[in-house]
């Protein structure tokens, strides 16, 4: 399935300018159909999986309790 730049930005939850940057830097494949840029949706599956993995790792990091510091002295 092919998407327009705007649809791709919405699908990936990034800005339209980010999609144009990817196109300009030849990091994604696209078709020019009657002056409209079309991007193949399936080429972003790896991006979405990696982003999901990174979000899960970040979530785990945030949920990890801070260990008690052994060097803290009780100054009562």
PDB file of N, CA and C in Angstrom:
ATOM      1  N   UNK A   1       0.839  -1.167   0.000  1.00  0.00           N
ATOM      2  CA  UNK A   1       0.000   0.000   0.000  1.00  0.00           C
ATOM      3  C   UNK A   1       0.894   1.244   0.000  1.00  0.00           C
ATOM      4  N   UNK A   2       0.566   2.194  -0.836  1.00  0.00           N
ATOM      5  CA  UNK A   2       1.324   3.433  -0.931  1.00  0.00           C
ATOM      6  C   UNK A   2       0.583   4.564  -0.213  1.00  0.00           C
ATOM      7  N   UNK A   3       1.368   5.417   0.452  1.00  0.00           N
ATOM      8  CA  UNK A   3       0.814   6.531   1.210  1.00  0.00           C
ATOM      9  C   UNK A   3       1.423   7.836   0.722  1.00  0.00           C
ATOM     10  N   UNK A   4       0.672   8.914   0.881  1.00  0.00           N
ATOM     11  CA  UNK A   4       1.216  10.236   0.589  1.00  0.00           C
ATOM     12  C   UNK A   4       2.168  10.627   1.724  1.00  0.00           C
ATOM     13  N   UNK A   5       2.871  11.715   1.558  1.00  0.00           N
ATOM     14  CA  UNK A   5       3.787  12.189   2.594  1.00  0.00           C
ATOM     15  C   UNK A   5       3.017  12.477   3.877  1.00  0.00           C
ATOM     16  N   UNK A   6       1.885  13.128   3.758  1.00  0.00           N
ATOM     17  CA  UNK A   6       1.084  13.464   4.940  1.00  0.00           C
ATOM     18  C   UNK A   6       0.573  12.203   5.640  1.00  0.00           C
ATOM     19  N   UNK A   7       0.094  11.234   4.869  1.00  0.00           N
ATOM     20  CA  UNK A   7      -0.397   9.986   5.451  1.00  0.00           C
ATOM     21  C   UNK A   7       0.734   9.218   6.124  1.00  0.00           C
ATOM     22  N   UNK A   8       1.917   9.240   5.508  1.00  0.00           N
ATOM     23  CA  UNK A   8       3.074   8.557   6.078  1.00  0.00           C
ATOM     24  C   UNK A   8       3.478   9.203   7.392  1.00  0.00           C
ATOM     25  N   UNK A   9       3.478  10.531   7.442  1.00  0.00           N
ATOM     26  CA  UNK A   9       3.818  11.242   8.670  1.00  0.00           C
ATOM     27  C   UNK A   9       2.838  10.881   9.777  1.00  0.00           C
ATOM     28  N   UNK A  10       1.573  10.802   9.450  1.00  0.00           N
ATOM     29  CA  UNK A  10       0.559  10.431  10.437  1.00  0.00           C
ATOM     30  C   UNK A  10       0.740   8.980  10.881  1.00  0.00           C
ATOM     31  N   UNK A  11       1.019   8.095   9.929  1.00  0.00           N
ATOM     32  CA  UNK A  11       1.208   6.670  10.207  1.00  0.00           C
ATOM     33  C   UNK A  11       2.395   6.461  11.153  1.00  0.00           C
ATOM     34  N   UNK A  12       3.484   7.214  10.939  1.00  0.00           N
ATOM     35  CA  UNK A  12       4.691   7.061  11.748  1.00  0.00           C
ATOM     36  C   UNK A  12       4.704   7.968  12.974  1.00  0.00           C
ATOM     37  N   UNK A  13       3.736   8.863  13.056  1.00  0.00           N
ATOM     38  CA  UNK A  13       3.642   9.823  14.155  1.00  0.00           C
ATOM     39  C   UNK A  13       4.905  10.699  14.220  1.00  0.00           C
ATOM     40  N   UNK A  14       5.278  11.208  13.046  1.00  0.00           N
ATOM     41  CA  UNK A  14       6.388  12.160  12.932  1.00  0.00           C
ATOM     42  C   UNK A  14       5.898  13.348  12.113  1.00  0.00           C
ATOM     43  N   UNK A  15       6.717  14.384  12.040  1.00  0.00           N
ATOM     44  CA  UNK A  15       6.319  15.566  11.277  1.00  0.00           C
ATOM     45  C   UNK A  15       6.506  15.334   9.776  1.00  0.00           C
ATOM     46  N   UNK A  16       5.779  16.112   8.996  1.00  0.00           N
ATOM     47  CA  UNK A  16       5.888  16.044   7.540  1.00  0.00           C
ATOM     48  C   UNK A  16       7.301  16.426   7.111  1.00  0.00           C
ATOM     49  N   UNK A  17       7.898  17.399   7.790  1.00  0.00           N
ATOM     50  CA  UNK A  17       9.255  17.817   7.452  1.00  0.00           C
ATOM     51  C   UNK A  17      10.259  16.678   7.668  1.00  0.00           C
ATOM     52  N   UNK A  18      10.005  15.822   8.649  1.00  0.00           N
ATOM     53  CA  UNK A  18      10.872  14.662   8.882  1.00  0.00           C
ATOM     54  C   UNK A  18      10.795  13.695   7.698  1.00  0.00           C
ATOM     55  N   UNK A  19       9.616  13.493   7.149  1.00  0.00           N
ATOM     56  CA  UNK A  19       9.458  12.620   5.985  1.00  0.00           C
ATOM     57  C   UNK A  19      10.189  13.213   4.784  1.00  0.00           C
ATOM     58  N   UNK A  20      10.047  14.512   4.583  1.00  0.00           N
ATOM     59  CA  UNK A  20      10.766  15.164   3.477  1.00  0.00           C
ATOM     60  C   UNK A  20      12.277  15.086   3.683  1.00  0.00           C
ATOM     61  N   UNK A  21      12.740  15.141   4.916  1.00  0.00           N
ATOM     62  CA  UNK A  21      14.168  14.996   5.189  1.00  0.00           C
ATOM     63  C   UNK A  21      14.648  13.607   4.800  1.00  0.00           C
ATOM     64  N   UNK A  22      13.867  12.583   5.140  1.00  0.00           N
ATOM     65  CA  UNK A  22      14.214  11.215   4.770  1.00  0.00           C
ATOM     66  C   UNK A  22      14.275  11.046   3.255  1.00  0.00           C
ATOM     67  N   UNK A  23      13.351  11.682   2.564  1.00  0.00           N
ATOM     68  CA  UNK A  23      13.336  11.617   1.101  1.00  0.00           C
ATOM     69  C   UNK A  23      14.557  12.341   0.540  1.00  0.00           C
ATOM     70  N   UNK A  24      14.817  13.538   1.038  1.00  0.00           N
ATOM     71  CA  UNK A  24      15.934  14.353   0.550  1.00  0.00           C
ATOM     72  C   UNK A  24      17.269  13.642   0.752  1.00  0.00           C
ATOM     73  N   UNK A  25      17.412  12.915   1.856  1.00  0.00           N
ATOM     74  CA  UNK A  25      18.649  12.212   2.165  1.00  0.00           C
ATOM     75  C   UNK A  25      18.681  10.795   1.592  1.00  0.00           C
ATOM     76  N   UNK A  26      17.705  10.459   0.749  1.00  0.00           N
ATOM     77  CA  UNK A  26      17.616   9.152   0.095  1.00  0.00           C
ATOM     78  C   UNK A  26      17.615   7.989   1.084  1.00  0.00           C
ATOM     79  N   UNK A  27      16.945   8.168   2.207  1.00  0.00           N
ATOM     80  CA  UNK A  27      16.858   7.114   3.211  1.00  0.00           C
ATOM     81  C   UNK A  27      15.600   6.267   3.047  1.00  0.00           C
ATOM     82  N   UNK A  28      14.670   6.730   2.236  1.00  0.00           N
ATOM     83  CA  UNK A  28      13.456   5.959   1.947  1.00  0.00           C
ATOM     84  C   UNK A  28      13.238   5.934   0.442  1.00  0.00           C
ATOM     85  N   UNK A  29      12.574   4.889   0.002  1.00  0.00           N
ATOM     86  CA  UNK A  29      12.219   4.790  -1.410  1.00  0.00           C
ATOM     87  C   UNK A  29      10.851   5.417  -1.619  1.00  0.00           C
ATOM     88  N   UNK A  30      10.680   6.059  -2.747  1.00  0.00           N
ATOM     89  CA  UNK A  30       9.404   6.708  -3.040  1.00  0.00           C
ATOM     90  C   UNK A  30       9.148   6.692  -4.550  1.00  0.00           C
ATOM     91  N   UNK A  31       7.908   6.939  -4.902  1.00  0.00           N
ATOM     92  CA  UNK A  31       7.497   7.070  -6.298  1.00  0.00           C
ATOM     93  C   UNK A  31       6.951   8.462  -6.502  1.00  0.00           C
ATOM     94  N   UNK A  32       7.189   9.011  -7.672  1.00  0.00           N
ATOM     95  CA  UNK A  32       6.606  10.301  -8.036  1.00  0.00           C
ATOM     96  C   UNK A  32       5.474   9.997  -9.020  1.00  0.00           C
ATOM     97  N   UNK A  33       4.243  10.122  -8.555  1.00  0.00           N
ATOM     98  CA  UNK A  33       3.073   9.810  -9.377  1.00  0.00           C
ATOM     99  C   UNK A  33       2.346  11.109  -9.676  1.00  0.00           C
ATOM    100  N   UNK A  34       2.465  11.566 -10.917  1.00  0.00           N
ATOM    101  CA  UNK A  34       1.821  12.818 -11.345  1.00  0.00           C
ATOM    102  C   UNK A  34       2.150  13.978 -10.411  1.00  0.00           C
ATOM    103  N   UNK A  35       3.403  14.086 -10.006  1.00  0.00           N
ATOM    104  CA  UNK A  35       3.837  15.188  -9.154  1.00  0.00           C
ATOM    105  C   UNK A  35       3.586  14.981  -7.672  1.00  0.00           C
ATOM    106  N   UNK A  36       3.003  13.850  -7.306  1.00  0.00           N
ATOM    107  CA  UNK A  36       2.761  13.566  -5.888  1.00  0.00           C
ATOM    108  C   UNK A  36       3.687  12.445  -5.427  1.00  0.00           C
ATOM    109  N   UNK A  37       4.342  12.675  -4.298  1.00  0.00           N
ATOM    110  CA  UNK A  37       5.276  11.693  -3.752  1.00  0.00           C
ATOM    111  C   UNK A  37       4.491  10.619  -3.016  1.00  0.00           C
ATOM    112  N   UNK A  38       4.758   9.367  -3.361  1.00  0.00           N
ATOM    113  CA  UNK A  38       4.096   8.230  -2.720  1.00  0.00           C
ATOM    114  C   UNK A  38       5.167   7.341  -2.102  1.00  0.00           C
ATOM    115  N   UNK A  39       4.915   6.896  -0.870  1.00  0.00           N
ATOM    116  CA  UNK A  39       5.862   6.055  -0.142  1.00  0.00           C
ATOM    117  C   UNK A  39       5.224   4.707   0.156  1.00  0.00           C
ATOM    118  N   UNK A  40       6.023   3.653   0.019  1.00  0.00           N
ATOM    119  CA  UNK A  40       5.537   2.306   0.291  1.00  0.00           C
ATOM    120  C   UNK A  40       5.494   2.081   1.803  1.00  0.00           C
ATOM    121  N   UNK A  41       4.329   1.768   2.315  1.00  0.00           N
ATOM    122  CA  UNK A  41       4.096   1.669   3.759  1.00  0.00           C
ATOM    123  C   UNK A  41       4.945   0.577   4.410  1.00  0.00           C
ATOM    124  N   UNK A  42       5.134  -0.541   3.756  1.00  0.00           N
ATOM    125  CA  UNK A  42       5.817  -1.678   4.366  1.00  0.00           C
ATOM    126  C   UNK A  42       7.290  -1.418   4.653  1.00  0.00           C
ATOM    127  N   UNK A  43       7.903  -0.430   4.000  1.00  0.00           N
ATOM    128  CA  UNK A  43       9.317  -0.171   4.250  1.00  0.00           C
ATOM    129  C   UNK A  43       9.555   0.416   5.646  1.00  0.00           C
ATOM    130  N   UNK A  44       8.497   0.809   6.326  1.00  0.00           N
ATOM    131  CA  UNK A  44       8.625   1.409   7.650  1.00  0.00           C
ATOM    132  C   UNK A  44       8.374   0.423   8.786  1.00  0.00           C
ATOM    133  N   UNK A  45       8.134  -0.843   8.469  1.00  0.00           N
ATOM    134  CA  UNK A  45       7.865  -1.832   9.520  1.00  0.00           C
ATOM    135  C   UNK A  45       9.038  -1.977  10.486  1.00  0.00           C
ATOM    136  N   UNK A  46      10.261  -2.010   9.964  1.00  0.00           N
ATOM    137  CA  UNK A  46      11.428  -2.129  10.824  1.00  0.00           C
ATOM    138  C   UNK A  46      11.546  -0.901  11.729  1.00  0.00           C
ATOM    139  N   UNK A  47      11.294   0.278  11.182  1.00  0.00           N
ATOM    140  CA  UNK A  47      11.321   1.504  11.974  1.00  0.00           C
ATOM    141  C   UNK A  47      10.329   1.427  13.123  1.00  0.00           C
ATOM    142  N   UNK A  48       9.109   0.987  12.836  1.00  0.00           N
ATOM    143  CA  UNK A  48       8.078   0.909  13.868  1.00  0.00           C
ATOM    144  C   UNK A  48       8.430  -0.125  14.935  1.00  0.00           C
ATOM    145  N   UNK A  49       8.974  -1.273  14.510  1.00  0.00           N
ATOM    146  CA  UNK A  49       9.361  -2.300  15.474  1.00  0.00           C
ATOM    147  C   UNK A  49      10.493  -1.802  16.366  1.00  0.00           C
ATOM    148  N   UNK A  50      11.471  -1.137  15.784  1.00  0.00           N
ATOM    149  CA  UNK A  50      12.596  -0.619  16.559  1.00  0.00           C
ATOM    150  C   UNK A  50      12.138   0.461  17.531  1.00  0.00           C
ATOM    151  N   UNK A  51      11.255   1.343  17.067  1.00  0.00           N
ATOM    152  CA  UNK A  51      10.741   2.386  17.955  1.00  0.00           C
ATOM    153  C   UNK A  51       9.962   1.764  19.118  1.00  0.00           C
ATOM    154  N   UNK A  52       9.180   0.735  18.838  1.00  0.00           N
ATOM    155  CA  UNK A  52       8.427   0.051  19.893  1.00  0.00           C
ATOM    156  C   UNK A  52       9.376  -0.601  20.897  1.00  0.00           C
ATOM    157  N   UNK A  53      10.468  -1.210  20.407  1.00  0.00           N
ATOM    158  CA  UNK A  53      11.453  -1.840  21.279  1.00  0.00           C
ATOM    159  C   UNK A  53      12.137  -0.789  22.160  1.00  0.00           C
ATOM    160  N   UNK A  54      12.490   0.341  21.575  1.00  0.00           N
ATOM    161  CA  UNK A  54      13.151   1.401  22.338  1.00  0.00           C
ATOM    162  C   UNK A  54      12.213   2.008  23.384  1.00  0.00           C
ATOM    163  N   UNK A  55      10.945   2.165  23.031  1.00  0.00           N
ATOM    164  CA  UNK A  55       9.983   2.681  24.001  1.00  0.00           C
ATOM    165  C   UNK A  55       9.803   1.716  25.167  1.00  0.00           C
ATOM    166  N   UNK A  56       9.797   0.418  24.882  1.00  0.00           N
ATOM    167  CA  UNK A  56       9.673  -0.580  25.939  1.00  0.00           C
ATOM    168  C   UNK A  56      10.901  -0.553  26.851  1.00  0.00           C
ATOM    169  N   UNK A  57      12.087  -0.407  26.263  1.00  0.00           N
ATOM    170  CA  UNK A  57      13.311  -0.332  27.065  1.00  0.00           C
ATOM    171  C   UNK A  57      13.314   0.923  27.918  1.00  0.00           C
ATOM    172  N   UNK A  58      12.856   2.021  27.375  1.00  0.00           N
ATOM    173  CA  UNK A  58      12.782   3.277  28.130  1.00  0.00           C
ATOM    174  C   UNK A  58      11.773   3.164  29.263  1.00  0.00           C
ATOM    175  N   UNK A  59      10.657   2.544  28.988  1.00  0.00           N
ATOM    176  CA  UNK A  59       9.620   2.324  30.002  1.00  0.00           C
ATOM    177  C   UNK A  59      10.177   1.461  31.140  1.00  0.00           C
ATOM    178  N   UNK A  60      10.930   0.424  30.785  1.00  0.00           N
ATOM    179  CA  UNK A  60      11.543  -0.440  31.793  1.00  0.00           C
ATOM    180  C   UNK A  60      12.552   0.351  32.631  1.00  0.00           C
ATOM    181  N   UNK A  61      13.327   1.198  31.973  1.00  0.00           N
ATOM    182  CA  UNK A  61      14.300   2.043  32.668  1.00  0.00           C
ATOM    183  C   UNK A  61      13.595   2.956  33.672  1.00  0.00           C
ATOM    184  N   UNK A  62      12.494   3.558  33.266  1.00  0.00           N
ATOM    185  CA  UNK A  62      11.767   4.459  34.157  1.00  0.00           C
ATOM    186  C   UNK A  62      11.149   3.727  35.339  1.00  0.00           C
ATOM    187  N   UNK A  63      10.793   2.467  35.149  1.00  0.00           N
ATOM    188  CA  UNK A  63      10.149   1.695  36.205  1.00  0.00           C
ATOM    189  C   UNK A  63      11.137   0.979  37.122  1.00  0.00           C
ATOM    190  N   UNK A  64      12.427   1.043  36.809  1.00  0.00           N
ATOM    191  CA  UNK A  64      13.439   0.407  37.636  1.00  0.00           C
ATOM    192  C   UNK A  64      13.671   1.265  38.880  1.00  0.00           C
ATOM    193  N   UNK A  65      13.553   0.675  40.063  1.00  0.00           N
ATOM    194  CA  UNK A  65      13.749   1.472  41.285  1.00  0.00           C
ATOM    195  C   UNK A  65      15.208   1.901  41.426  1.00  0.00           C
ATOM    196  N   UNK A  66      15.396   3.041  42.046  1.00  0.00           N
ATOM    197  CA  UNK A  66      16.739   3.554  42.283  1.00  0.00           C
ATOM    198  C   UNK A  66      17.328   2.789  43.468  1.00  0.00           C
ATOM    199  N   UNK A  67      18.504   2.188  43.285  1.00  0.00           N
ATOM    200  CA  UNK A  67      19.081   1.425  44.400  1.00  0.00           C
ATOM    201  C   UNK A  67      19.506   2.348  45.535  1.00  0.00           C
ATOM    202  N   UNK A  68      19.438   1.824  46.728  1.00  0.00           N
ATOM    203  CA  UNK A  68      19.829   2.607  47.889  1.00  0.00           C
ATOM    204  C   UNK A  68      21.342   2.781  47.878  1.00  0.00           C
ATOM    205  N   UNK A  69      21.798   3.989  48.135  1.00  0.00           N
ATOM    206  CA  UNK A  69      23.221   4.291  48.134  1.00  0.00           C
ATOM    207  C   UNK A  69      23.838   3.858  49.453  1.00  0.00           C
ATOM    208  N   UNK A  70      24.847   3.003  49.383  1.00  0.00           N
ATOM    209  CA  UNK A  70      25.489   2.487  50.591  1.00  0.00           C
ATOM    210  C   UNK A  70      26.371   3.541  51.258  1.00  0.00           C
ATOM    211  N   UNK A  71      26.749   4.577  50.532  1.00  0.00           N
ATOM    212  CA  UNK A  71      27.655   5.581  51.069  1.00  0.00           C
ATOM    213  C   UNK A  71      26.952   6.726  51.806  1.00  0.00           C
ATOM    214  N   UNK A  72      25.653   6.717  51.787  1.00  0.00           N
ATOM    215  CA  UNK A  72      24.918   7.780  52.486  1.00  0.00           C
ATOM    216  C   UNK A  72      24.988   7.517  53.992  1.00  0.00           C
ATOM    217  N   UNK A  73      25.404   8.522  54.723  1.00  0.00           N
ATOM    218  CA  UNK A  73      25.525   8.378  56.177  1.00  0.00           C
ATOM    219  C   UNK A  73      24.300   8.993  56.845  1.00  0.00           C
ATOM    220  N   UNK A  74      23.868   8.349  57.868  1.00  0.00           N
ATOM    221  CA  UNK A  74      22.744   8.855  58.653  1.00  0.00           C
ATOM    222  C   UNK A  74      23.280   9.900  59.621  1.00  0.00           C
ATOM    223  N   UNK A  75      22.886  11.148  59.411  1.00  0.00           N
ATOM    224  CA  UNK A  75      23.436  12.226  60.221  1.00  0.00           C
ATOM    225  C   UNK A  75      22.389  12.761  61.191  1.00  0.00           C
ATOM    226  N   UNK A  76      21.932  11.939  62.084  1.00  0.00           N
ATOM    227  CA  UNK A  76      20.956  12.352  63.090  1.00  0.00           C
ATOM    228  C   UNK A  76      21.605  12.979  64.260  1.00  0.00           C
TER     229      UNK A  76
END
